[in-house]
Protein backbone atom coordinates (compact mmCIF):
# COMPACT_ATOMS: atom_id res chain seq x y z
CA MET A 1 -14.24 -17.67 26.30
CA MET A 2 -11.04 -18.23 27.45
CA LYS A 3 -8.05 -16.44 25.54
CA PRO A 4 -5.91 -18.95 23.49
CA ALA A 5 -2.14 -18.80 24.55
CA ILE A 6 -0.03 -17.09 21.72
CA ARG A 7 2.35 -19.48 21.01
CA TYR A 8 3.07 -18.45 16.91
CA GLU A 9 6.00 -18.08 15.54
CA ILE A 10 7.56 -14.41 15.25
CA ILE A 11 9.88 -13.02 12.69
CA LEU A 12 11.58 -10.20 13.75
CA TYR A 13 13.97 -8.35 11.73
CA TRP A 14 15.64 -4.73 11.00
CA SER A 15 14.09 -3.50 7.81
CA GLU A 16 16.10 -0.95 6.36
CA ILE A 17 13.39 0.59 4.24
CA ASP A 18 11.37 1.27 7.48
CA ARG A 19 14.24 2.39 9.47
CA ALA A 20 12.51 0.22 12.38
CA PHE A 21 13.00 -3.44 13.69
CA ILE A 22 9.74 -5.25 11.62
CA ALA A 23 7.87 -8.43 13.77
CA GLU A 24 6.18 -10.66 11.75
CA VAL A 25 3.59 -13.77 12.10
CA PRO A 26 3.33 -15.83 9.20
CA GLU A 27 0.58 -18.58 10.54
CA LEU A 28 -1.53 -14.73 10.59
CA PRO A 29 -1.79 -13.48 7.68
CA GLY A 30 -1.21 -9.76 7.59
CA CYS A 31 -0.40 -10.18 11.76
CA ALA A 32 2.72 -7.72 12.05
CA ALA A 33 4.37 -4.76 13.69
CA ASP A 34 7.38 -2.50 14.66
CA GLY A 35 9.19 -1.13 16.51
CA ALA A 36 12.39 1.69 17.43
CA THR A 37 14.26 -1.37 19.08
CA TYR A 38 13.75 -5.29 19.10
CA SER A 39 11.99 -5.14 22.44
CA GLU A 40 10.03 -2.43 21.23
CA ALA A 41 8.77 -4.49 18.04
CA LEU A 42 8.35 -7.70 19.81
CA GLN A 43 5.65 -5.58 22.63
CA ASN A 44 3.58 -4.64 19.83
CA VAL A 45 3.66 -7.76 18.03
CA GLU A 46 2.20 -9.32 21.48
CA VAL A 47 -0.67 -6.87 21.20
CA VAL A 48 -1.35 -7.01 17.30
CA MET A 49 -1.46 -11.02 18.04
CA GLN A 50 -3.86 -10.64 20.61
CA GLU A 51 -6.19 -8.62 18.71
CA TRP A 52 -5.90 -10.79 15.54
CA ILE A 53 -7.47 -13.38 17.82
CA GLU A 54 -9.95 -11.31 19.38
CA THR A 55 -11.23 -9.87 15.77
CA ALA A 56 -11.34 -13.56 14.31
CA GLN A 57 -12.83 -15.12 17.38
CA GLU A 58 -15.63 -12.36 16.55
CA LEU A 59 -16.12 -12.91 13.12
CA ASP A 60 -16.63 -16.02 13.53
CA ARG A 61 -13.46 -16.97 11.59
CA PRO A 62 -10.84 -19.77 12.19
CA ILE A 63 -8.09 -19.11 14.37
CA PRO A 64 -4.29 -21.17 12.92
CA GLU A 65 -3.81 -23.56 15.62
CA PRO A 66 0.44 -22.88 16.56
CA LYS A 67 2.53 -25.46 14.58
CA GLY A 68 6.18 -24.25 16.35
CA ARG A 69 9.23 -23.86 13.83
CA LEU A 70 8.49 -22.97 10.97
CA MET A 71 11.25 -21.95 9.21
CA PHE A 72 14.95 -23.41 10.05
CA ALA A 73 17.99 -20.12 9.35
């Protein structure tokens, strides 16, 4: 099976409580990662997004279509 392109919005921010950058993917419930740097959090969430999608496929659960930009600053 071909892997779907990962085109989901990622929200990346500093968490003082966690003392780390947090990367969240709002369209994939529970999909988030952290990192000591902005780049590390982004790299980690890319891995977690792929694992989220693979797990949903294995469990025959729906995978949301990316909607593009969801929030505006």
